[in-house]
């Protein structure tokens, strides 16, 4: 502006717009939103306008800056976890929870078949070798009881897998929802 411009006079939108390098409708918008005090001086408007610019430049969040920062941190942590999971999967160091469940279920079925088959083999061998009549429940009943205990232990293991990282598709022994 020119020499002798008085910052303490009542501000006019067109002059203030030219002073700060914006359009008159932008100044009107700031007035409507309460960022500039109606009837204020150029000094007051400059102070208010600069404060608004500082607030915007501080993170474009204004009053929500803390929340935005927290959300950004959480998003960054999730991105890091996803990248780590992709890297571990590609390296073959990550086992998917569903795959582990299939392995455990398959192994449980195989164990039951082997143990019960062994019980039948024991019955036949004792009967033939010693010419005995053995009640199958004397051997098979005991094996069923043992398998029941093993089954409960398997259920507990499955519950542990289900509880670890229940919001993701894999389980963890080292705190990151993955086996590895």
C-alpha atoms as a PDB file:
ATOM      1  CA  UNK A   1       0.000   0.000   0.000  1.00  0.00           C
ATOM      2  CA  UNK A   2       1.041   3.635   0.233  1.00  0.00           C
ATOM      3  CA  UNK A   3       2.790   5.556   2.980  1.00  0.00           C
ATOM      4  CA  UNK A   4       0.389   6.697   5.628  1.00  0.00           C
ATOM      5  CA  UNK A   5      -1.903   3.667   5.402  1.00  0.00           C
ATOM      6  CA  UNK A   6      -3.645   3.496   8.766  1.00  0.00           C
ATOM      7  CA  UNK A   7      -4.064  -0.067  10.059  1.00  0.00           C
ATOM      8  CA  UNK A   8      -6.405   1.146  12.764  1.00  0.00           C
ATOM      9  CA  UNK A   9      -9.139   2.370  10.418  1.00  0.00           C
ATOM     10  CA  UNK A  10     -12.247   0.303   9.730  1.00  0.00           C
ATOM     11  CA  UNK A  11     -11.377  -2.377   7.188  1.00  0.00           C
ATOM     12  CA  UNK A  12     -13.052  -2.661   3.790  1.00  0.00           C
ATOM     13  CA  UNK A  13     -13.294  -6.072   2.138  1.00  0.00           C
ATOM     14  CA  UNK A  14     -11.897  -5.019  -1.273  1.00  0.00           C
ATOM     15  CA  UNK A  15      -8.905  -3.185   0.216  1.00  0.00           C
ATOM     16  CA  UNK A  16      -8.150  -6.043   2.652  1.00  0.00           C
ATOM     17  CA  UNK A  17      -8.435  -8.579  -0.178  1.00  0.00           C
ATOM     18  CA  UNK A  18      -5.848  -6.593  -2.171  1.00  0.00           C
ATOM     19  CA  UNK A  19      -3.644  -6.213   0.928  1.00  0.00           C
ATOM     20  CA  UNK A  20      -3.440  -9.985   1.591  1.00  0.00           C
ATOM     21  CA  UNK A  21      -3.663 -11.161  -2.031  1.00  0.00           C
ATOM     22  CA  UNK A  22      -7.050 -12.860  -2.092  1.00  0.00           C
ATOM     23  CA  UNK A  23     -10.392 -12.133  -3.723  1.00  0.00           C
ATOM     24  CA  UNK A  24     -13.150 -10.048  -2.113  1.00  0.00           C
ATOM     25  CA  UNK A  25     -15.488 -13.113  -2.005  1.00  0.00           C
ATOM     26  CA  UNK A  26     -12.807 -14.941   0.006  1.00  0.00           C
ATOM     27  CA  UNK A  27     -12.737 -12.098   2.536  1.00  0.00           C
ATOM     28  CA  UNK A  28     -16.553 -12.182   2.670  1.00  0.00           C
ATOM     29  CA  UNK A  29     -16.412 -15.930   3.331  1.00  0.00           C
ATOM     30  CA  UNK A  30     -13.992 -15.376   6.231  1.00  0.00           C
ATOM     31  CA  UNK A  31     -16.389 -12.792   7.664  1.00  0.00           C
ATOM     32  CA  UNK A  32     -19.360 -15.147   7.283  1.00  0.00           C
ATOM     33  CA  UNK A  33     -17.470 -17.940   9.058  1.00  0.00           C
ATOM     34  CA  UNK A  34     -16.475 -15.651  11.914  1.00  0.00           C
ATOM     35  CA  UNK A  35     -12.771 -15.723  11.166  1.00  0.00           C
ATOM     36  CA  UNK A  36     -12.761 -11.947  10.739  1.00  0.00           C
ATOM     37  CA  UNK A  37     -14.607  -9.612  13.089  1.00  0.00           C
ATOM     38  CA  UNK A  38     -17.289  -7.536  11.342  1.00  0.00           C
ATOM     39  CA  UNK A  39     -16.447  -3.812  11.592  1.00  0.00           C
ATOM     40  CA  UNK A  40     -12.881  -4.606  12.658  1.00  0.00           C
ATOM     41  CA  UNK A  41      -9.798  -2.605  11.720  1.00  0.00           C
ATOM     42  CA  UNK A  42      -7.160  -3.674   9.221  1.00  0.00           C
ATOM     43  CA  UNK A  43      -4.849  -4.419  12.175  1.00  0.00           C
ATOM     44  CA  UNK A  44      -7.451  -6.726  13.763  1.00  0.00           C
ATOM     45  CA  UNK A  45      -8.234  -8.434  10.474  1.00  0.00           C
ATOM     46  CA  UNK A  46      -4.538  -8.989   9.727  1.00  0.00           C
ATOM     47  CA  UNK A  47      -4.076 -10.512  13.171  1.00  0.00           C
ATOM     48  CA  UNK A  48      -7.140 -12.752  12.797  1.00  0.00           C
ATOM     49  CA  UNK A  49      -6.269 -13.728   9.233  1.00  0.00           C
ATOM     50  CA  UNK A  50      -2.671 -14.579  10.143  1.00  0.00           C
ATOM     51  CA  UNK A  51      -3.875 -16.651  13.120  1.00  0.00           C
ATOM     52  CA  UNK A  52      -6.218 -18.555  10.808  1.00  0.00           C
ATOM     53  CA  UNK A  53      -3.367 -19.202   8.347  1.00  0.00           C
ATOM     54  CA  UNK A  54      -1.127 -20.416  11.205  1.00  0.00           C
ATOM     55  CA  UNK A  55      -3.859 -22.785  12.366  1.00  0.00           C
ATOM     56  CA  UNK A  56      -4.308 -24.153   8.865  1.00  0.00           C
ATOM     57  CA  UNK A  57      -0.560 -24.521   8.308  1.00  0.00           C
ATOM     58  CA  UNK A  58      -0.137 -26.350  11.632  1.00  0.00           C
ATOM     59  CA  UNK A  59      -1.628 -29.446  10.106  1.00  0.00           C
ATOM     60  CA  UNK A  60      -4.781 -28.414   8.394  1.00  0.00           C
ATOM     61  CA  UNK A  61      -6.646 -29.894  11.315  1.00  0.00           C
ATOM     62  CA  UNK A  62      -7.431 -26.986  13.571  1.00  0.00           C
ATOM     63  CA  UNK A  63      -9.245 -28.314  16.628  1.00  0.00           C
ATOM     64  CA  UNK A  64      -9.179 -31.886  15.308  1.00  0.00           C
ATOM     65  CA  UNK A  65      -5.387 -31.999  15.007  1.00  0.00           C
ATOM     66  CA  UNK A  66      -4.873 -34.425  17.917  1.00  0.00           C
ATOM     67  CA  UNK A  67      -7.499 -36.816  16.552  1.00  0.00           C
ATOM     68  CA  UNK A  68      -6.052 -36.582  13.041  1.00  0.00           C
ATOM     69  CA  UNK A  69      -2.580 -37.296  14.390  1.00  0.00           C
ATOM     70  CA  UNK A  70      -3.842 -40.354  16.280  1.00  0.00           C
ATOM     71  CA  UNK A  71      -5.659 -41.643  13.189  1.00  0.00           C
ATOM     72  CA  UNK A  72      -2.538 -41.156  11.065  1.00  0.00           C
ATOM     73  CA  UNK A  73      -0.435 -43.049  13.607  1.00  0.00           C
ATOM     74  CA  UNK A  74      -2.906 -45.961  13.640  1.00  0.00           C
ATOM     75  CA  UNK A  75      -3.030 -45.996   9.851  1.00  0.00           C
ATOM     76  CA  UNK A  76       0.769 -46.037   9.674  1.00  0.00           C
ATOM     77  CA  UNK A  77       0.935 -48.924  12.154  1.00  0.00           C
ATOM     78  CA  UNK A  78      -1.606 -50.895  10.125  1.00  0.00           C
ATOM     79  CA  UNK A  79       0.337 -50.240   6.914  1.00  0.00           C
ATOM     80  CA  UNK A  80       3.548 -51.438   8.572  1.00  0.00           C
ATOM     81  CA  UNK A  81       1.795 -54.592   9.843  1.00  0.00           C
ATOM     82  CA  UNK A  82       0.350 -55.310   6.387  1.00  0.00           C
ATOM     83  CA  UNK A  83       3.754 -54.869   4.736  1.00  0.00           C
ATOM     84  CA  UNK A  84       5.362 -57.137   7.330  1.00  0.00           C
ATOM     85  CA  UNK A  85       2.651 -59.749   6.780  1.00  0.00           C
ATOM     86  CA  UNK A  86       3.165 -59.635   2.997  1.00  0.00           C
ATOM     87  CA  UNK A  87       6.931 -59.921   3.470  1.00  0.00           C
ATOM     88  CA  UNK A  88       6.613 -62.875   5.867  1.00  0.00           C
ATOM     89  CA  UNK A  89       4.089 -64.580   3.595  1.00  0.00           C
ATOM     90  CA  UNK A  90       6.369 -64.173   0.581  1.00  0.00           C
ATOM     91  CA  UNK A  91       9.287 -65.595   2.576  1.00  0.00           C
ATOM     92  CA  UNK A  92       7.199 -68.570   3.670  1.00  0.00           C
ATOM     93  CA  UNK A  93       7.502 -67.580   7.342  1.00  0.00           C
ATOM     94  CA  UNK A  94       3.815 -66.820   7.865  1.00  0.00           C
ATOM     95  CA  UNK A  95       1.230 -69.540   8.328  1.00  0.00           C
ATOM     96  CA  UNK A  96      -2.406 -68.683   7.744  1.00  0.00           C
ATOM     97  CA  UNK A  97      -4.788 -69.502  10.596  1.00  0.00           C
ATOM     98  CA  UNK A  98      -7.103 -71.497   8.297  1.00  0.00           C
ATOM     99  CA  UNK A  99      -4.164 -73.588   7.071  1.00  0.00           C
ATOM    100  CA  UNK A 100      -3.127 -74.346  10.651  1.00  0.00           C
ATOM    101  CA  UNK A 101      -6.712 -75.303  11.489  1.00  0.00           C
ATOM    102  CA  UNK A 102      -6.775 -77.732   8.553  1.00  0.00           C
ATOM    103  CA  UNK A 103      -3.460 -79.251   9.646  1.00  0.00           C
ATOM    104  CA  UNK A 104      -4.578 -79.653  13.266  1.00  0.00           C
ATOM    105  CA  UNK A 105      -7.924 -81.151  12.229  1.00  0.00           C
ATOM    106  CA  UNK A 106      -6.236 -83.539   9.804  1.00  0.00           C
ATOM    107  CA  UNK A 107      -3.624 -84.518  12.377  1.00  0.00           C
ATOM    108  CA  UNK A 108      -6.318 -85.180  15.005  1.00  0.00           C
ATOM    109  CA  UNK A 109      -8.141 -87.507  12.638  1.00  0.00           C
ATOM    110  CA  UNK A 110      -4.935 -89.336  11.772  1.00  0.00           C
ATOM    111  CA  UNK A 111      -3.946 -89.695  15.437  1.00  0.00           C
ATOM    112  CA  UNK A 112      -7.340 -91.170  16.285  1.00  0.00           C
ATOM    113  CA  UNK A 113      -7.083 -93.632  13.385  1.00  0.00           C
ATOM    114  CA  UNK A 114      -3.561 -94.691  14.369  1.00  0.00           C
ATOM    115  CA  UNK A 115      -4.358 -95.096  18.070  1.00  0.00           C
ATOM    116  CA  UNK A 116      -7.581 -97.017  17.502  1.00  0.00           C
ATOM    117  CA  UNK A 117      -5.836 -99.159  14.892  1.00  0.00           C
ATOM    118  CA  UNK A 118      -3.073 -99.862  17.387  1.00  0.00           C
ATOM    119  CA  UNK A 119      -5.710-100.909  19.932  1.00  0.00           C
ATOM    120  CA  UNK A 120      -7.192-103.408  17.464  1.00  0.00           C
ATOM    121  CA  UNK A 121      -3.698-104.714  16.678  1.00  0.00           C
ATOM    122  CA  UNK A 122      -2.944-105.143  20.404  1.00  0.00           C
ATOM    123  CA  UNK A 123      -6.203-107.051  20.919  1.00  0.00           C
ATOM    124  CA  UNK A 124      -5.489-109.379  17.991  1.00  0.00           C
ATOM    125  CA  UNK A 125      -1.859-109.954  18.990  1.00  0.00           C
ATOM    126  CA  UNK A 126      -2.715-110.776  22.623  1.00  0.00           C
ATOM    127  CA  UNK A 127      -5.591-113.034  21.580  1.00  0.00           C
ATOM    128  CA  UNK A 128      -3.442-114.993  19.117  1.00  0.00           C
ATOM    129  CA  UNK A 129      -0.254-115.148  21.158  1.00  0.00           C
ATOM    130  CA  UNK A 130      -1.822-116.097  24.499  1.00  0.00           C
ATOM    131  CA  UNK A 131      -5.070-117.642  23.270  1.00  0.00           C
ATOM    132  CA  UNK A 132      -7.078-115.152  25.305  1.00  0.00           C
ATOM    133  CA  UNK A 133     -10.527-113.739  24.968  1.00  0.00           C
ATOM    134  CA  UNK A 134     -10.234-110.039  25.785  1.00  0.00           C
ATOM    135  CA  UNK A 135     -13.156-107.686  26.114  1.00  0.00           C
ATOM    136  CA  UNK A 136     -12.435-104.948  23.526  1.00  0.00           C
ATOM    137  CA  UNK A 137     -13.506-102.268  26.031  1.00  0.00           C
ATOM    138  CA  UNK A 138     -10.574-103.286  28.255  1.00  0.00           C
ATOM    139  CA  UNK A 139      -8.188-101.873  25.608  1.00  0.00           C
ATOM    140  CA  UNK A 140     -10.276 -99.705  23.308  1.00  0.00           C
ATOM    141  CA  UNK A 141     -12.121 -98.030  26.226  1.00  0.00           C
ATOM    142  CA  UNK A 142      -8.831 -96.953  27.761  1.00  0.00           C
ATOM    143  CA  UNK A 143      -7.613 -95.636  24.408  1.00  0.00           C
ATOM    144  CA  UNK A 144     -10.870 -93.718  23.865  1.00  0.00           C
ATOM    145  CA  UNK A 145     -10.443 -92.087  27.288  1.00  0.00           C
ATOM    146  CA  UNK A 146      -6.860 -91.105  26.410  1.00  0.00           C
ATOM    147  CA  UNK A 147      -7.993 -89.756  23.055  1.00  0.00           C
ATOM    148  CA  UNK A 148     -10.690 -87.746  24.845  1.00  0.00           C
ATOM    149  CA  UNK A 149      -8.007 -86.076  26.977  1.00  0.00           C
ATOM    150  CA  UNK A 150      -5.884 -85.445  23.887  1.00  0.00           C
ATOM    151  CA  UNK A 151      -8.959 -84.011  22.166  1.00  0.00           C
ATOM    152  CA  UNK A 152      -9.544 -81.562  25.031  1.00  0.00           C
ATOM    153  CA  UNK A 153      -5.916 -80.464  24.796  1.00  0.00           C
ATOM    154  CA  UNK A 154      -6.424 -79.966  21.050  1.00  0.00           C
ATOM    155  CA  UNK A 155      -9.535 -77.870  21.706  1.00  0.00           C
ATOM    156  CA  UNK A 156      -7.572 -75.704  24.134  1.00  0.00           C
ATOM    157  CA  UNK A 157      -4.889 -75.238  21.488  1.00  0.00           C
ATOM    158  CA  UNK A 158      -7.535 -74.298  18.925  1.00  0.00           C
ATOM    159  CA  UNK A 159      -9.057 -71.783  21.364  1.00  0.00           C
ATOM    160  CA  UNK A 160      -5.640 -70.212  21.890  1.00  0.00           C
ATOM    161  CA  UNK A 161      -5.180 -69.896  18.138  1.00  0.00           C
ATOM    162  CA  UNK A 162      -8.652 -68.393  17.809  1.00  0.00           C
ATOM    163  CA  UNK A 163      -7.995 -65.891  20.609  1.00  0.00           C
ATOM    164  CA  UNK A 164      -4.655 -64.635  19.274  1.00  0.00           C
ATOM    165  CA  UNK A 165      -5.157 -61.887  16.701  1.00  0.00           C
ATOM    166  CA  UNK A 166      -8.862 -62.636  16.453  1.00  0.00           C
ATOM    167  CA  UNK A 167      -9.279 -59.556  14.238  1.00  0.00           C
ATOM    168  CA  UNK A 168      -6.855 -60.873  11.616  1.00  0.00           C
ATOM    169  CA  UNK A 169      -6.453 -63.974   9.472  1.00  0.00           C
ATOM    170  CA  UNK A 170      -3.429 -65.462  11.189  1.00  0.00           C
ATOM    171  CA  UNK A 171      -2.143 -66.287  14.658  1.00  0.00           C
ATOM    172  CA  UNK A 172       0.953 -65.380  16.589  1.00  0.00           C
ATOM    173  CA  UNK A 173       3.491 -66.741  18.964  1.00  0.00           C
ATOM    174  CA  UNK A 174       5.438 -63.490  18.868  1.00  0.00           C
ATOM    175  CA  UNK A 175       2.724 -60.851  19.222  1.00  0.00           C
ATOM    176  CA  UNK A 176       2.089 -59.936  15.602  1.00  0.00           C
ATOM    177  CA  UNK A 177      -0.803 -62.200  14.551  1.00  0.00           C
ATOM    178  CA  UNK A 178       1.467 -64.588  12.699  1.00  0.00           C
ATOM    179  CA  UNK A 179       3.139 -67.886  13.382  1.00  0.00           C
ATOM    180  CA  UNK A 180       6.726 -67.347  12.568  1.00  0.00           C
END
